[in-house]
Amino acid sequence: MYNVVGRFTPVFSSSIGGCYRMKTTPLFPHDRGRYILVLVNLLLTIVLTVLSFRYVQPKDCYRFCDVEAGVPCPAGSCRVGEQKAGWPIPVFIDAPSPSSPLLISGILGVDDYPHPMAMLLTVLFYSMLVWLVLFIIGLIQGQKVDPKLILLALPMNVLLAVVLWMHYFLTGYHV
C-alpha cells in the first residue's frame, strides 16, 4: 500500500503494531552503568567487611587470664570470650579450645570461627552504607540512582556473606 505522499505503508500496521514499532529486548534491560554500580557496591562491601575484622577489642590480649571471675586480669591477658573482632557487630568471638594445647584460649586465633548471622548483618550493614554514599554522590552530581539496584544487589550480598563465612570457617580467624 502507498499513502498519499507515495511512501510504502505496511498493510498490517494497525493490527500487529507495524514494523516501525517492533522493539528488541537487550540482554540486560538496564544500562551497563547500573551494573557497574552493583559491582562497585560488592567490591567496596567486601573490602570494608574484611577491614572491619581488624577491629579487635580488647587489643592488648596476649595470654589467657586464669584468675577467678571477681578478680581483675593482669595487663595483657583476657578471659575466654572477652576478645572480639569485627565492627559494628563482632563476627569473631574467642571460644575455648580444649582440644589442642597449641591453641591459646583468651586470644583470637585460627580456632575461632565466624558467627553466620553476625557475618550476614555486617555485610548488609556495609552494603547499605556504600549504597548511601553512592546515592549522595549521585545527588551531588545531579544523577538519579535507581533504588531498585539495592534489591538487585541484595541476593549478591547474601551470597558474598556466605562465601566470606565459608572462607573464614575453613581458615579460622587471621588478619
Protein backbone atom coordinates (compact mmCIF):
# COMPACT_ATOMS: atom_id res chain seq x y z
CA MET A 1 0.00 0.00 0.00
CA TYR A 2 1.09 3.53 -0.68
CA ASN A 3 -0.06 6.55 1.27
CA VAL A 4 -0.91 9.97 -0.11
CA VAL A 5 2.70 11.10 -0.30
CA GLY A 6 3.71 7.95 -2.15
CA ARG A 7 5.55 6.14 0.62
CA PHE A 8 5.04 2.48 1.34
CA THR A 9 2.85 1.74 4.38
CA PRO A 10 2.74 -1.75 5.89
CA VAL A 11 -0.58 -3.48 5.35
CA PHE A 12 -0.94 -4.88 8.86
CA SER A 13 0.44 -1.89 10.75
CA SER A 14 -2.66 -1.36 12.87
CA SER A 15 -3.26 -4.99 13.77
CA ILE A 16 0.16 -6.19 14.92
CA GLY A 17 1.96 -2.98 15.75
CA GLY A 18 3.72 -2.41 12.43
CA CYS A 19 7.35 -2.91 11.61
CA TYR A 20 8.35 0.52 12.89
CA ARG A 21 7.11 -0.22 16.38
CA MET A 22 8.96 -3.50 16.88
CA LYS A 23 11.41 -3.44 19.74
CA THR A 24 14.13 -5.83 20.65
CA THR A 25 14.90 -6.54 24.26
CA PRO A 26 18.59 -6.20 25.13
CA LEU A 27 20.38 -8.91 27.07
CA PHE A 28 20.46 -6.62 30.11
CA PRO A 29 17.34 -4.46 30.37
CA HIS A 30 19.13 -1.69 32.28
CA ASP A 31 22.11 0.44 31.40
CA ARG A 32 25.56 -1.02 31.98
CA GLY A 33 26.31 1.84 34.34
CA ARG A 34 23.82 0.45 36.80
CA TYR A 35 25.58 -2.91 36.85
CA ILE A 36 28.87 -1.16 37.38
CA LEU A 37 27.35 0.44 40.50
CA VAL A 38 26.34 -3.02 41.74
CA LEU A 39 29.89 -4.29 41.18
CA VAL A 40 31.35 -1.24 42.94
CA ASN A 41 28.98 -1.91 45.83
CA LEU A 42 30.04 -5.55 46.06
CA LEU A 43 33.76 -4.75 45.92
CA LEU A 44 33.59 -1.96 48.50
CA THR A 45 31.39 -4.10 50.73
CA ILE A 46 33.85 -6.99 50.76
CA VAL A 47 36.80 -4.64 51.40
CA LEU A 48 35.04 -2.83 54.26
CA THR A 49 33.82 -6.09 55.80
CA VAL A 50 37.26 -7.70 55.78
CA LEU A 51 38.85 -4.49 57.10
CA SER A 52 36.31 -4.43 59.93
CA PHE A 53 37.72 -7.73 61.19
CA ARG A 54 40.89 -5.83 62.13
CA TYR A 55 38.87 -4.02 64.81
CA VAL A 56 39.71 -6.20 67.81
CA GLN A 57 38.61 -5.36 71.34
CA PRO A 58 40.36 -5.51 73.75
CA LYS A 59 43.56 -5.08 71.76
CA ASP A 60 46.14 -5.99 74.35
CA CYS A 61 45.34 -9.69 74.86
CA TYR A 62 48.50 -11.74 74.64
CA ARG A 63 47.79 -14.54 77.08
CA PHE A 64 44.96 -16.35 78.83
CA CYS A 65 43.64 -14.97 82.12
CA ASP A 66 43.19 -17.85 84.54
CA VAL A 67 42.07 -15.97 87.67
CA GLU A 68 38.64 -16.07 89.29
CA ALA A 69 35.72 -14.10 87.86
CA GLY A 70 35.75 -11.36 90.54
CA VAL A 71 39.48 -10.70 90.31
CA PRO A 72 40.72 -8.41 87.53
CA CYS A 73 43.08 -9.90 84.95
CA PRO A 74 46.69 -8.76 84.78
CA ALA A 75 47.66 -6.43 81.93
CA GLY A 76 47.94 -8.18 78.57
CA SER A 77 45.65 -11.09 79.40
CA CYS A 78 41.98 -11.83 78.67
CA ARG A 79 39.35 -14.34 79.70
CA VAL A 80 37.74 -16.74 77.25
CA GLY A 81 35.11 -14.95 75.14
CA GLU A 82 36.34 -11.49 76.05
CA GLN A 83 38.28 -10.72 72.87
CA LYS A 84 36.11 -10.00 69.82
CA ALA A 85 36.77 -8.91 66.23
CA GLY A 86 34.52 -7.09 63.79
CA TRP A 87 32.57 -3.86 63.69
CA PRO A 88 29.67 -2.90 64.11
CA ILE A 89 28.76 -6.46 65.10
CA PRO A 90 31.52 -8.75 66.41
CA VAL A 91 31.81 -11.61 63.92
CA PHE A 92 34.61 -13.45 65.70
CA ILE A 93 34.41 -14.13 69.44
CA ASP A 94 37.10 -16.04 71.26
CA ALA A 95 35.93 -19.55 72.06
CA PRO A 96 37.52 -22.07 74.42
CA SER A 97 39.77 -24.55 72.67
CA PRO A 98 40.25 -27.58 74.92
CA SER A 99 41.05 -29.88 72.02
CA SER A 100 44.52 -28.58 71.28
CA PRO A 101 47.16 -27.42 73.76
CA LEU A 102 48.86 -25.42 71.00
CA LEU A 103 45.88 -23.07 70.61
CA ILE A 104 45.51 -20.41 73.25
CA SER A 105 42.15 -19.62 74.83
CA GLY A 106 41.53 -15.97 75.57
CA ILE A 107 43.12 -14.85 72.30
CA LEU A 108 41.53 -14.83 68.84
CA GLY A 109 43.13 -17.36 66.55
CA VAL A 110 42.56 -19.97 63.87
CA ASP A 111 40.35 -21.96 66.27
CA ASP A 112 37.78 -19.15 66.41
CA TYR A 113 35.12 -19.36 63.73
CA PRO A 114 32.78 -16.64 62.47
CA HIS A 115 29.18 -16.43 63.58
CA PRO A 116 26.98 -16.72 60.46
CA MET A 117 24.24 -14.23 61.42
CA ALA A 118 26.78 -11.65 62.55
CA MET A 119 28.63 -12.08 59.24
CA LEU A 120 25.42 -11.57 57.25
CA LEU A 121 24.40 -8.49 59.24
CA THR A 122 27.88 -6.97 58.92
CA VAL A 123 27.91 -7.47 55.14
CA LEU A 124 24.42 -5.96 54.81
CA PHE A 125 25.42 -3.02 57.04
CA TYR A 126 28.40 -2.16 54.84
CA SER A 127 26.38 -2.69 51.67
CA MET A 128 23.74 -0.21 52.84
CA LEU A 129 26.48 2.21 53.87
CA VAL A 130 28.05 2.02 50.40
CA TRP A 131 24.63 2.49 48.74
CA LEU A 132 24.01 5.55 50.89
CA VAL A 133 27.33 7.04 49.80
CA LEU A 134 26.57 6.22 46.13
CA PHE A 135 23.13 7.89 46.41
CA ILE A 136 24.67 11.01 47.97
CA ILE A 137 27.33 11.18 45.23
CA GLY A 138 24.56 10.77 42.64
CA LEU A 139 22.58 13.62 44.18
CA ILE A 140 25.63 15.88 44.23
CA GLN A 141 26.35 15.13 40.56
CA GLY A 142 22.70 15.60 39.64
CA GLN A 143 22.22 11.98 38.57
CA LYS A 144 19.45 9.73 39.73
CA VAL A 145 20.47 6.35 41.12
CA ASP A 146 17.71 3.76 40.89
CA PRO A 147 16.76 2.44 44.36
CA LYS A 148 15.80 -0.89 42.74
CA LEU A 149 19.52 -1.58 42.43
CA ILE A 150 19.55 -2.32 46.16
CA LEU A 151 17.11 -5.18 45.51
CA LEU A 152 19.31 -6.38 42.67
CA ALA A 153 22.40 -6.35 44.88
CA LEU A 154 20.72 -7.92 47.92
CA PRO A 155 20.99 -11.58 46.79
CA MET A 156 24.57 -10.93 45.69
CA ASN A 157 25.39 -9.52 49.13
CA VAL A 158 23.86 -12.55 50.83
CA LEU A 159 25.97 -14.79 48.59
CA LEU A 160 29.01 -12.67 49.44
CA ALA A 161 28.32 -13.15 53.17
CA VAL A 162 28.02 -16.92 52.68
CA VAL A 163 31.30 -17.07 50.74
CA LEU A 164 33.10 -14.97 53.36
CA TRP A 165 31.68 -17.10 56.16
CA MET A 166 32.79 -20.31 54.41
CA HIS A 167 36.26 -18.90 53.81
CA TYR A 168 36.75 -17.90 57.44
CA PHE A 169 35.09 -21.09 58.69
CA LEU A 170 37.64 -23.14 56.78
CA THR A 171 40.64 -20.99 57.67
CA GLY A 172 39.69 -19.57 61.09
CA TYR A 173 40.36 -16.02 62.25
CA HIS A 174 43.51 -14.48 60.84
CA VAL A 175 44.41 -10.92 59.99
